[in-house]
Amino acid sequence: MITTEQKILCAVSHLGIFLGIPIIAPLIVMVVSEDGFVKEQAKQAIVFQAGLAVMGIIGALTFIFIIGIFIAIAAVIMGLVFPIIATIRNMDGISYSYPVTGGLIKDGRI
């Protein structure tokens, strides 16, 4: 069972994208917390939000072409949906791994 403090820190990590400080919020949580569960979730959030940033840049650079529009739309939808799912899972005490980028953390590649 995870504590209320762990839940709040995980929520700040995942929802930092809505606070206007993506990557920075989970980075601060990762530095401040000493808990392994919170650090793993902060790492998940950092990698996912960095991936979204890269996806957004690629979408912006290729926006002239039709594919850029779809990349940008996918990045927006993923940026809205997955952090909310991650926060809900963490509130239930379940460790959440983002699709695509989450496997990098679990495998120990990052």
PDB file of N, CA and C in Angstrom:
ATOM      1  N   MET A   1       0.844  -1.187   0.000  1.00  0.00           N
ATOM      2  CA  MET A   1       0.000   0.000   0.000  1.00  0.00           C
ATOM      3  C   MET A   1       0.885   1.243   0.000  1.00  0.00           C
ATOM      4  N   ILE A   2       0.582   2.160  -0.893  1.00  0.00           N
ATOM      5  CA  ILE A   2       1.397   3.373  -0.948  1.00  0.00           C
ATOM      6  C   ILE A   2       0.751   4.472  -0.109  1.00  0.00           C
ATOM      7  N   THR A   3       1.597   5.379   0.367  1.00  0.00           N
ATOM      8  CA  THR A   3       1.130   6.442   1.256  1.00  0.00           C
ATOM      9  C   THR A   3       0.556   7.609   0.453  1.00  0.00           C
ATOM     10  N   THR A   4      -0.072   8.509   1.166  1.00  0.00           N
ATOM     11  CA  THR A   4      -0.639   9.705   0.538  1.00  0.00           C
ATOM     12  C   THR A   4       0.474  10.563  -0.069  1.00  0.00           C
ATOM     13  N   GLU A   5       1.590  10.657   0.605  1.00  0.00           N
ATOM     14  CA  GLU A   5       2.717  11.436   0.080  1.00  0.00           C
ATOM     15  C   GLU A   5       3.210  10.854  -1.243  1.00  0.00           C
ATOM     16  N   GLN A   6       3.315   9.542  -1.302  1.00  0.00           N
ATOM     17  CA  GLN A   6       3.732   8.894  -2.545  1.00  0.00           C
ATOM     18  C   GLN A   6       2.739   9.183  -3.666  1.00  0.00           C
ATOM     19  N   LYS A   7       1.453   9.114  -3.353  1.00  0.00           N
ATOM     20  CA  LYS A   7       0.418   9.379  -4.354  1.00  0.00           C
ATOM     21  C   LYS A   7       0.514  10.809  -4.881  1.00  0.00           C
ATOM     22  N   ILE A   8       0.723  11.756  -3.986  1.00  0.00           N
ATOM     23  CA  ILE A   8       0.807  13.163  -4.391  1.00  0.00           C
ATOM     24  C   ILE A   8       2.039  13.392  -5.259  1.00  0.00           C
ATOM     25  N   LEU A   9       3.176  12.842  -4.861  1.00  0.00           N
ATOM     26  CA  LEU A   9       4.395  13.024  -5.649  1.00  0.00           C
ATOM     27  C   LEU A   9       4.276  12.376  -7.027  1.00  0.00           C
ATOM     28  N   CYS A  10       3.651  11.211  -7.091  1.00  0.00           N
ATOM     29  CA  CYS A  10       3.432  10.561  -8.387  1.00  0.00           C
ATOM     30  C   CYS A  10       2.497  11.390  -9.254  1.00  0.00           C
ATOM     31  N   ALA A  11       1.448  11.942  -8.644  1.00  0.00           N
ATOM     32  CA  ALA A  11       0.500  12.773  -9.393  1.00  0.00           C
ATOM     33  C   ALA A  11       1.181  14.028  -9.934  1.00  0.00           C
ATOM     34  N   VAL A  12       2.025  14.648  -9.130  1.00  0.00           N
ATOM     35  CA  VAL A  12       2.761  15.831  -9.594  1.00  0.00           C
ATOM     36  C   VAL A  12       3.664  15.461 -10.766  1.00  0.00           C
ATOM     37  N   SER A  13       4.293  14.307 -10.694  1.00  0.00           N
ATOM     38  CA  SER A  13       5.168  13.862 -11.781  1.00  0.00           C
ATOM     39  C   SER A  13       4.392  13.694 -13.082  1.00  0.00           C
ATOM     40  N   HIS A  14       3.303  12.954 -13.017  1.00  0.00           N
ATOM     41  CA  HIS A  14       2.553  12.647 -14.230  1.00  0.00           C
ATOM     42  C   HIS A  14       1.762  13.844 -14.744  1.00  0.00           C
ATOM     43  N   LEU A  15       1.251  14.660 -13.841  1.00  0.00           N
ATOM     44  CA  LEU A  15       0.405  15.778 -14.255  1.00  0.00           C
ATOM     45  C   LEU A  15       1.183  17.074 -14.435  1.00  0.00           C
ATOM     46  N   GLY A  16       2.494  17.013 -14.331  1.00  0.00           N
ATOM     47  CA  GLY A  16       3.329  18.198 -14.569  1.00  0.00           C
ATOM     48  C   GLY A  16       3.122  18.786 -15.947  1.00  0.00           C
ATOM     49  N   ILE A  17       2.731  17.952 -16.877  1.00  0.00           N
ATOM     50  CA  ILE A  17       2.464  18.399 -18.239  1.00  0.00           C
ATOM     51  C   ILE A  17       1.279  19.376 -18.262  1.00  0.00           C
ATOM     52  N   PHE A  18       0.318  19.194 -17.346  1.00  0.00           N
ATOM     53  CA  PHE A  18      -0.833  20.095 -17.269  1.00  0.00           C
ATOM     54  C   PHE A  18      -0.521  21.354 -16.467  1.00  0.00           C
ATOM     55  N   LEU A  19       0.514  21.290 -15.650  1.00  0.00           N
ATOM     56  CA  LEU A  19       0.925  22.448 -14.860  1.00  0.00           C
ATOM     57  C   LEU A  19       1.808  23.397 -15.665  1.00  0.00           C
ATOM     58  N   GLY A  20       2.155  22.992 -16.873  1.00  0.00           N
ATOM     59  CA  GLY A  20       2.995  23.820 -17.731  1.00  0.00           C
ATOM     60  C   GLY A  20       4.480  23.624 -17.502  1.00  0.00           C
ATOM     61  N   ILE A  21       4.824  22.613 -16.720  1.00  0.00           N
ATOM     62  CA  ILE A  21       6.235  22.340 -16.463  1.00  0.00           C
ATOM     63  C   ILE A  21       6.552  20.865 -16.722  1.00  0.00           C
ATOM     64  N   PRO A  22       6.323  20.430 -17.977  1.00  0.00           N
ATOM     65  CA  PRO A  22       6.670  19.033 -18.270  1.00  0.00           C
ATOM     66  C   PRO A  22       8.169  18.827 -18.138  1.00  0.00           C
ATOM     67  N   ILE A  23       8.569  17.666 -17.820  1.00  0.00           N
ATOM     68  CA  ILE A  23       9.944  17.228 -17.602  1.00  0.00           C
ATOM     69  C   ILE A  23      10.521  17.829 -16.322  1.00  0.00           C
ATOM     70  N   ILE A  24      10.243  19.094 -16.041  1.00  0.00           N
ATOM     71  CA  ILE A  24      10.792  19.739 -14.842  1.00  0.00           C
ATOM     72  C   ILE A  24      10.121  19.202 -13.577  1.00  0.00           C
ATOM     73  N   ALA A  25       8.788  19.079 -13.582  1.00  0.00           N
ATOM     74  CA  ALA A  25       8.073  18.598 -12.390  1.00  0.00           C
ATOM     75  C   ALA A  25       8.529  17.197 -11.987  1.00  0.00           C
ATOM     76  N   PRO A  26       8.545  16.214 -12.923  1.00  0.00           N
ATOM     77  CA  PRO A  26       9.013  14.887 -12.493  1.00  0.00           C
ATOM     78  C   PRO A  26      10.494  14.869 -12.129  1.00  0.00           C
ATOM     79  N   LEU A  27      11.280  15.745 -12.740  1.00  0.00           N
ATOM     80  CA  LEU A  27      12.703  15.814 -12.399  1.00  0.00           C
ATOM     81  C   LEU A  27      12.886  16.298 -10.967  1.00  0.00           C
ATOM     82  N   ILE A  28      12.111  17.292 -10.571  1.00  0.00           N
ATOM     83  CA  ILE A  28      12.174  17.794  -9.193  1.00  0.00           C
ATOM     84  C   ILE A  28      11.721  16.702  -8.223  1.00  0.00           C
ATOM     85  N   VAL A  29      10.632  16.008  -8.555  1.00  0.00           N
ATOM     86  CA  VAL A  29      10.130  14.930  -7.695  1.00  0.00           C
ATOM     87  C   VAL A  29      11.177  13.836  -7.559  1.00  0.00           C
ATOM     88  N   MET A  30      11.845  13.512  -8.657  1.00  0.00           N
ATOM     89  CA  MET A  30      12.860  12.461  -8.624  1.00  0.00           C
ATOM     90  C   MET A  30      14.037  12.842  -7.722  1.00  0.00           C
ATOM     91  N   VAL A  31      14.400  14.112  -7.724  1.00  0.00           N
ATOM     92  CA  VAL A  31      15.515  14.575  -6.898  1.00  0.00           C
ATOM     93  C   VAL A  31      15.104  14.647  -5.420  1.00  0.00           C
ATOM     94  N   VAL A  32      13.891  15.098  -5.160  1.00  0.00           N
ATOM     95  CA  VAL A  32      13.423  15.306  -3.788  1.00  0.00           C
ATOM     96  C   VAL A  32      13.100  13.995  -3.075  1.00  0.00           C
ATOM     97  N   SER A  33      12.474  13.063  -3.780  1.00  0.00           N
ATOM     98  CA  SER A  33      12.008  11.830  -3.148  1.00  0.00           C
ATOM     99  C   SER A  33      13.125  10.794  -3.011  1.00  0.00           C
ATOM    100  N   GLU A  34      13.012  10.016  -1.957  1.00  0.00           N
ATOM    101  CA  GLU A  34      13.957   8.918  -1.751  1.00  0.00           C
ATOM    102  C   GLU A  34      13.278   7.564  -1.937  1.00  0.00           C
ATOM    103  N   ASP A  35      11.981   7.584  -2.245  1.00  0.00           N
ATOM    104  CA  ASP A  35      11.202   6.370  -2.388  1.00  0.00           C
ATOM    105  C   ASP A  35      11.391   5.767  -3.779  1.00  0.00           C
ATOM    106  N   GLY A  36      11.597   4.468  -3.845  1.00  0.00           N
ATOM    107  CA  GLY A  36      11.825   3.785  -5.116  1.00  0.00           C
ATOM    108  C   GLY A  36      10.627   3.818  -6.048  1.00  0.00           C
ATOM    109  N   PHE A  37       9.416   3.641  -5.498  1.00  0.00           N
ATOM    110  CA  PHE A  37       8.194   3.670  -6.308  1.00  0.00           C
ATOM    111  C   PHE A  37       8.013   5.044  -6.951  1.00  0.00           C
ATOM    112  N   VAL A  38       8.205   6.093  -6.175  1.00  0.00           N
ATOM    113  CA  VAL A  38       8.038   7.460  -6.679  1.00  0.00           C
ATOM    114  C   VAL A  38       9.106   7.773  -7.720  1.00  0.00           C
ATOM    115  N   LYS A  39      10.338   7.358  -7.463  1.00  0.00           N
ATOM    116  CA  LYS A  39      11.413   7.607  -8.430  1.00  0.00           C
ATOM    117  C   LYS A  39      11.146   6.909  -9.759  1.00  0.00           C
ATOM    118  N   GLU A  40      10.633   5.672  -9.694  1.00  0.00           N
ATOM    119  CA  GLU A  40      10.325   4.948 -10.930  1.00  0.00           C
ATOM    120  C   GLU A  40       9.223   5.659 -11.718  1.00  0.00           C
ATOM    121  N   GLN A  41       8.193   6.118 -11.015  1.00  0.00           N
ATOM    122  CA  GLN A  41       7.096   6.812 -11.684  1.00  0.00           C
ATOM    123  C   GLN A  41       7.553   8.159 -12.241  1.00  0.00           C
ATOM    124  N   ALA A  42       8.427   8.846 -11.523  1.00  0.00           N
ATOM    125  CA  ALA A  42       8.969  10.118 -12.027  1.00  0.00           C
ATOM    126  C   ALA A  42       9.808   9.873 -13.280  1.00  0.00           C
ATOM    127  N   LYS A  43      10.577   8.794 -13.265  1.00  0.00           N
ATOM    128  CA  LYS A  43      11.377   8.439 -14.440  1.00  0.00           C
ATOM    129  C   LYS A  43      10.476   8.118 -15.628  1.00  0.00           C
ATOM    130  N   GLN A  44       9.393   7.395 -15.371  1.00  0.00           N
ATOM    131  CA  GLN A  44       8.422   7.088 -16.426  1.00  0.00           C
ATOM    132  C   GLN A  44       7.876   8.387 -17.024  1.00  0.00           C
ATOM    133  N   ALA A  45       7.523   9.333 -16.154  1.00  0.00           N
ATOM    134  CA  ALA A  45       6.953  10.600 -16.609  1.00  0.00           C
ATOM    135  C   ALA A  45       7.969  11.419 -17.406  1.00  0.00           C
ATOM    136  N   ILE A  46       9.223  11.439 -16.964  1.00  0.00           N
ATOM    137  CA  ILE A  46      10.258  12.190 -17.679  1.00  0.00           C
ATOM    138  C   ILE A  46      10.441  11.652 -19.091  1.00  0.00           C
ATOM    139  N   VAL A  47      10.581  10.349 -19.207  1.00  0.00           N
ATOM    140  CA  VAL A  47      10.809   9.743 -20.521  1.00  0.00           C
ATOM    141  C   VAL A  47       9.602   9.948 -21.431  1.00  0.00           C
ATOM    142  N   PHE A  48       8.389   9.784 -20.891  1.00  0.00           N
ATOM    143  CA  PHE A  48       7.187   9.977 -21.700  1.00  0.00           C
ATOM    144  C   PHE A  48       7.063  11.425 -22.162  1.00  0.00           C
ATOM    145  N   GLN A  49       7.272  12.370 -21.256  1.00  0.00           N
ATOM    146  CA  GLN A  49       7.129  13.772 -21.610  1.00  0.00           C
ATOM    147  C   GLN A  49       8.220  14.229 -22.565  1.00  0.00           C
ATOM    148  N   ALA A  50       9.420  13.679 -22.426  1.00  0.00           N
ATOM    149  CA  ALA A  50      10.485  13.989 -23.392  1.00  0.00           C
ATOM    150  C   ALA A  50      10.134  13.410 -24.762  1.00  0.00           C
ATOM    151  N   GLY A  51       9.569  12.215 -24.769  1.00  0.00           N
ATOM    152  CA  GLY A  51       9.129  11.610 -26.028  1.00  0.00           C
ATOM    153  C   GLY A  51       8.045  12.437 -26.698  1.00  0.00           C
ATOM    154  N   LEU A  52       7.124  12.973 -25.894  1.00  0.00           N
ATOM    155  CA  LEU A  52       6.085  13.848 -26.449  1.00  0.00           C
ATOM    156  C   LEU A  52       6.692  15.121 -27.030  1.00  0.00           C
ATOM    157  N   ALA A  53       7.701  15.661 -26.361  1.00  0.00           N
ATOM    158  CA  ALA A  53       8.360  16.867 -26.869  1.00  0.00           C
ATOM    159  C   ALA A  53       9.010  16.595 -28.221  1.00  0.00           C
ATOM    160  N   VAL A  54       9.696  15.471 -28.333  1.00  0.00           N
ATOM    161  CA  VAL A  54      10.329  15.088 -29.602  1.00  0.00           C
ATOM    162  C   VAL A  54       9.264  14.877 -30.676  1.00  0.00           C
ATOM    163  N   MET A  55       8.183  14.206 -30.289  1.00  0.00           N
ATOM    164  CA  MET A  55       7.090  13.967 -31.226  1.00  0.00           C
ATOM    165  C   MET A  55       6.469  15.287 -31.688  1.00  0.00           C
ATOM    166  N   GLY A  56       6.333  16.239 -30.782  1.00  0.00           N
ATOM    167  CA  GLY A  56       5.805  17.553 -31.129  1.00  0.00           C
ATOM    168  C   GLY A  56       6.712  18.302 -32.087  1.00  0.00           C
ATOM    169  N   ILE A  57       8.019  18.204 -31.859  1.00  0.00           N
ATOM    170  CA  ILE A  57       8.984  18.861 -32.751  1.00  0.00           C
ATOM    171  C   ILE A  57       8.929  18.239 -34.138  1.00  0.00           C
ATOM    172  N   ILE A  58       8.885  16.918 -34.185  1.00  0.00           N
ATOM    173  CA  ILE A  58       8.785  16.235 -35.483  1.00  0.00           C
ATOM    174  C   ILE A  58       7.485  16.619 -36.180  1.00  0.00           C
ATOM    175  N   GLY A  59       6.395  16.678 -35.431  1.00  0.00           N
ATOM    176  CA  GLY A  59       5.115  17.078 -36.002  1.00  0.00           C
ATOM    177  C   GLY A  59       5.155  18.492 -36.536  1.00  0.00           C
ATOM    178  N   ALA A  60       5.802  19.390 -35.800  1.00  0.00           N
ATOM    179  CA  ALA A  60       5.904  20.786 -36.244  1.00  0.00           C
ATOM    180  C   ALA A  60       6.770  20.917 -37.491  1.00  0.00           C
ATOM    181  N   LEU A  61       7.865  20.165 -37.525  1.00  0.00           N
ATOM    182  CA  LEU A  61       8.760  20.245 -38.684  1.00  0.00           C
ATOM    183  C   LEU A  61       8.143  19.652 -39.947  1.00  0.00           C
ATOM    184  N   THR A  62       7.262  18.683 -39.773  1.00  0.00           N
ATOM    185  CA  THR A  62       6.645  18.031 -40.936  1.00  0.00           C
ATOM    186  C   THR A  62       5.183  18.457 -41.117  1.00  0.00           C
ATOM    187  N   PHE A  63       4.810  19.571 -40.477  1.00  0.00           N
ATOM    188  CA  PHE A  63       3.426  20.027 -40.540  1.00  0.00           C
ATOM    189  C   PHE A  63       3.013  20.426 -41.951  1.00  0.00           C
ATOM    190  N   ILE A  64       3.980  20.850 -42.741  1.00  0.00           N
ATOM    191  CA  ILE A  64       3.693  21.208 -44.142  1.00  0.00           C
ATOM    192  C   ILE A  64       3.166  19.996 -44.895  1.00  0.00           C
ATOM    193  N   PHE A  65       3.705  18.852 -44.557  1.00  0.00           N
ATOM    194  CA  PHE A  65       3.232  17.610 -45.166  1.00  0.00           C
ATOM    195  C   PHE A  65       2.050  17.101 -44.351  1.00  0.00           C
ATOM    196  N   ILE A  66       1.246  16.303 -44.926  1.00  0.00           N
ATOM    197  CA  ILE A  66       0.046  15.790 -44.253  1.00  0.00           C
ATOM    198  C   ILE A  66       0.400  14.998 -42.996  1.00  0.00           C
ATOM    199  N   ILE A  67       1.494  14.267 -43.017  1.00  0.00           N
ATOM    200  CA  ILE A  67       1.863  13.398 -41.896  1.00  0.00           C
ATOM    201  C   ILE A  67       2.091  14.197 -40.612  1.00  0.00           C
ATOM    202  N   GLY A  68       2.584  15.411 -40.725  1.00  0.00           N
ATOM    203  CA  GLY A  68       2.845  16.243 -39.546  1.00  0.00           C
ATOM    204  C   GLY A  68       1.595  16.565 -38.766  1.00  0.00           C
ATOM    205  N   ILE A  69       0.486  16.727 -39.487  1.00  0.00           N
ATOM    206  CA  ILE A  69      -0.786  17.006 -38.826  1.00  0.00           C
ATOM    207  C   ILE A  69      -1.193  15.823 -37.957  1.00  0.00           C
ATOM    208  N   PHE A  70      -1.053  14.619 -38.490  1.00  0.00           N
ATOM    209  CA  PHE A  70      -1.420  13.416 -37.731  1.00  0.00           C
ATOM    210  C   PHE A  70      -0.482  13.186 -36.546  1.00  0.00           C
ATOM    211  N   ILE A  71       0.782  13.471 -36.728  1.00  0.00           N
ATOM    212  CA  ILE A  71       1.742  13.333 -35.626  1.00  0.00           C
ATOM    213  C   ILE A  71       1.396  14.308 -34.509  1.00  0.00           C
ATOM    214  N   ALA A  72       1.085  15.548 -34.872  1.00  0.00           N
ATOM    215  CA  ALA A  72       0.731  16.559 -33.864  1.00  0.00           C
ATOM    216  C   ALA A  72      -0.553  16.177 -33.130  1.00  0.00           C
ATOM    217  N   ILE A  73      -1.550  15.707 -33.861  1.00  0.00           N
ATOM    218  CA  ILE A  73      -2.812  15.289 -33.232  1.00  0.00           C
ATOM    219  C   ILE A  73      -2.571  14.114 -32.281  1.00  0.00           C
ATOM    220  N   ALA A  74      -1.774  13.154 -32.716  1.00  0.00           N
ATOM    221  CA  ALA A  74      -1.465  11.994 -31.863  1.00  0.00           C
ATOM    222  C   ALA A  74      -0.733  12.435 -30.597  1.00  0.00           C
ATOM    223  N   ALA A  75       0.197  13.374 -30.728  1.00  0.00           N
ATOM    224  CA  ALA A  75       0.944  13.863 -29.563  1.00  0.00           C
ATOM    225  C   ALA A  75       0.014  14.559 -28.574  1.00  0.00           C
ATOM    226  N   VAL A  76      -0.910  15.345 -29.067  1.00  0.00           N
ATOM    227  CA  VAL A  76      -1.856  16.040 -28.184  1.00  0.00           C
ATOM    228  C   VAL A  76      -2.758  15.041 -27.458  1.00  0.00           C
ATOM    229  N   ILE A  77      -3.292  14.090 -28.193  1.00  0.00           N
ATOM    230  CA  ILE A  77      -4.191  13.098 -27.577  1.00  0.00           C
ATOM    231  C   ILE A  77      -3.440  12.277 -26.530  1.00  0.00           C
ATOM    232  N   MET A  78      -2.245  11.816 -26.878  1.00  0.00           N
ATOM    233  CA  MET A  78      -1.454  11.038 -25.922  1.00  0.00           C
ATOM    234  C   MET A  78      -1.089  11.875 -24.701  1.00  0.00           C
ATOM    235  N   GLY A  79      -0.769  13.153 -24.918  1.00  0.00           N
ATOM    236  CA  GLY A  79      -0.407  14.033 -23.813  1.00  0.00           C
ATOM    237  C   GLY A  79      -1.569  14.339 -22.883  1.00  0.00           C
ATOM    238  N   LEU A  80      -2.783  14.208 -23.389  1.00  0.00           N
ATOM    239  CA  LEU A  80      -3.962  14.422 -22.548  1.00  0.00           C
ATOM    240  C   LEU A  80      -4.416  13.158 -21.837  1.00  0.00           C
ATOM    241  N   VAL A  81      -4.365  12.034 -22.510  1.00  0.00           N
ATOM    242  CA  VAL A  81      -4.957  10.797 -21.993  1.00  0.00           C
ATOM    243  C   VAL A  81      -4.020  10.022 -21.062  1.00  0.00           C
ATOM    244  N   PHE A  82      -2.801   9.746 -21.499  1.00  0.00           N
ATOM    245  CA  PHE A  82      -1.926   8.851 -20.747  1.00  0.00           C
ATOM    246  C   PHE A  82      -1.508   9.366 -19.369  1.00  0.00           C
ATOM    247  N   PRO A  83      -1.213  10.666 -19.183  1.00  0.00           N
ATOM    248  CA  PRO A  83      -0.899  11.118 -17.818  1.00  0.00           C
ATOM    249  C   PRO A  83      -2.064  10.958 -16.850  1.00  0.00           C
ATOM    250  N   ILE A  84      -3.289  11.134 -17.342  1.00  0.00           N
ATOM    251  CA  ILE A  84      -4.456  10.954 -16.484  1.00  0.00           C
ATOM    252  C   ILE A  84      -4.595   9.484 -16.088  1.00  0.00           C
ATOM    253  N   ILE A  85      -4.414   8.592 -17.055  1.00  0.00           N
ATOM    254  CA  ILE A  85      -4.470   7.154 -16.758  1.00  0.00           C
ATOM    255  C   ILE A  85      -3.381   6.783 -15.746  1.00  0.00           C
ATOM    256  N   ALA A  86      -2.177   7.315 -15.942  1.00  0.00           N
ATOM    257  CA  ALA A  86      -1.066   7.018 -15.032  1.00  0.00           C
ATOM    258  C   ALA A  86      -1.379   7.479 -13.614  1.00  0.00           C
ATOM    259  N   THR A  87      -1.961   8.664 -13.490  1.00  0.00           N
ATOM    260  CA  THR A  87      -2.296   9.191 -12.166  1.00  0.00           C
ATOM    261  C   THR A  87      -3.376   8.353 -11.493  1.00  0.00           C
ATOM    262  N   ILE A  88      -4.385   7.958 -12.244  1.00  0.00           N
ATOM    263  CA  ILE A  88      -5.452   7.125 -11.680  1.00  0.00           C
ATOM    264  C   ILE A  88      -4.889   5.789 -11.211  1.00  0.00           C
ATOM    265  N   ARG A  89      -4.019   5.184 -12.028  1.00  0.00           N
ATOM    266  CA  ARG A  89      -3.402   3.904 -11.628  1.00  0.00           C
ATOM    267  C   ARG A  89      -2.579   4.065 -10.359  1.00  0.00           C
ATOM    268  N   ASN A  90      -1.800   5.151 -10.289  1.00  0.00           N
ATOM    269  CA  ASN A  90      -0.981   5.383  -9.102  1.00  0.00           C
ATOM    270  C   ASN A  90      -1.831   5.615  -7.858  1.00  0.00           C
ATOM    271  N   MET A  91      -2.958   6.278  -8.010  1.00  0.00           N
ATOM    272  CA  MET A  91      -3.855   6.503  -6.872  1.00  0.00           C
ATOM    273  C   MET A  91      -4.407   5.177  -6.338  1.00  0.00           C
ATOM    274  N   ASP A  92      -4.498   4.177  -7.221  1.00  0.00           N
ATOM    275  CA  ASP A  92      -4.933   2.843  -6.810  1.00  0.00           C
ATOM    276  C   ASP A  92      -3.773   1.991  -6.295  1.00  0.00           C
ATOM    277  N   GLY A  93      -2.566   2.563  -6.292  1.00  0.00           N
ATOM    278  CA  GLY A  93      -1.400   1.845  -5.793  1.00  0.00           C
ATOM    279  C   GLY A  93      -0.736   0.949  -6.817  1.00  0.00           C
ATOM    280  N   ILE A  94      -1.054   1.150  -8.090  1.00  0.00           N
ATOM    281  CA  ILE A  94      -0.510   0.324  -9.162  1.00  0.00           C
ATOM    282  C   ILE A  94       0.588   1.089  -9.888  1.00  0.00           C
ATOM    283  N   SER A  95       1.704   0.446 -10.109  1.00  0.00           N
ATOM    284  CA  SER A  95       2.790   1.052 -10.877  1.00  0.00           C
ATOM    285  C   SER A  95       2.380   1.116 -12.348  1.00  0.00           C
ATOM    286  N   TYR A  96       2.505   2.290 -12.953  1.00  0.00           N
ATOM    287  CA  TYR A  96       2.077   2.470 -14.341  1.00  0.00           C
ATOM    288  C   TYR A  96       3.291   2.605 -15.252  1.00  0.00           C
ATOM    289  N   SER A  97       3.216   1.932 -16.373  1.00  0.00           N
ATOM    290  CA  SER A  97       4.257   2.004 -17.391  1.00  0.00           C
ATOM    291  C   SER A  97       3.612   2.511 -18.681  1.00  0.00           C
ATOM    292  N   TYR A  98       4.098   3.633 -19.182  1.00  0.00           N
ATOM    293  CA  TYR A  98       3.532   4.215 -20.402  1.00  0.00           C
ATOM    294  C   TYR A  98       3.755   3.302 -21.598  1.00  0.00           C
ATOM    295  N   PRO A  99       2.788   3.280 -22.526  1.00  0.00           N
ATOM    296  CA  PRO A  99       3.004   2.519 -23.765  1.00  0.00           C
ATOM    297  C   PRO A  99       4.189   3.128 -24.518  1.00  0.00           C
ATOM    298  N   VAL A 100       4.918   2.352 -25.217  1.00  0.00           N
ATOM    299  CA  VAL A 100       6.082   2.715 -26.031  1.00  0.00           C
ATOM    300  C   VAL A 100       7.285   3.096 -25.175  1.00  0.00           C
ATOM    301  N   THR A 101       7.226   4.188 -24.417  1.00  0.00           N
ATOM    302  CA  THR A 101       8.400   4.627 -23.653  1.00  0.00           C
ATOM    303  C   THR A 101       8.567   3.879 -22.336  1.00  0.00           C
ATOM    304  N   GLY A 102       7.483   3.336 -21.794  1.00  0.00           N
ATOM    305  CA  GLY A 102       7.545   2.651 -20.502  1.00  0.00           C
ATOM    306  C   GLY A 102       8.416   1.421 -20.499  1.00  0.00           C
ATOM    307  N   GLY A 103       8.492   0.730 -21.630  1.00  0.00           N
ATOM    308  CA  GLY A 103       9.321  -0.462 -21.727  1.00  0.00           C
ATOM    309  C   GLY A 103      10.799  -0.160 -21.585  1.00  0.00           C
ATOM    310  N   LEU A 104      11.198   1.034 -21.949  1.00  0.00           N
ATOM    311  CA  LEU A 104      12.607   1.427 -21.822  1.00  0.00           C
ATOM    312  C   LEU A 104      13.034   1.482 -20.362  1.00  0.00           C
ATOM    313  N   ILE A 105      12.140   1.928 -19.505  1.00  0.00           N
ATOM    314  CA  ILE A 105      12.437   2.026 -18.078  1.00  0.00           C
ATOM    315  C   ILE A 105      12.448   0.647 -17.436  1.00  0.00           C
ATOM    316  N   LYS A 106      11.439  -0.157 -17.755  1.00  0.00           N
ATOM    317  CA  LYS A 106      11.319  -1.499 -17.154  1.00  0.00           C
ATOM    318  C   LYS A 106      12.494  -2.395 -17.527  1.00  0.00           C
ATOM    319  N   ASP A 107      12.974  -2.273 -18.768  1.00  0.00           N
ATOM    320  CA  ASP A 107      14.090  -3.105 -19.233  1.00  0.00           C
ATOM    321  C   ASP A 107      15.436  -2.634 -18.700  1.00  0.00           C
ATOM    322  N   GLY A 108      15.458  -1.454 -18.095  1.00  0.00           N
ATOM    323  CA  GLY A 108      16.701  -0.916 -17.559  1.00  0.00           C
ATOM    324  C   GLY A 108      17.560  -0.221 -18.604  1.00  0.00           C
ATOM    325  N   ARG A 109      16.997   0.061 -19.758  1.00  0.00           N
ATOM    326  CA  ARG A 109      17.768   0.765 -20.795  1.00  0.00           C
ATOM    327  C   ARG A 109      17.980   2.218 -20.450  1.00  0.00           C
ATOM    328  N   ILE A 110      17.107   2.770 -19.624  1.00  0.00           N
ATOM    329  CA  ILE A 110      17.246   4.167 -19.224  1.00  0.00           C
ATOM    330  C   ILE A 110      17.252   4.240 -17.720  1.00  0.00           C
TER     331      ILE A 110
END
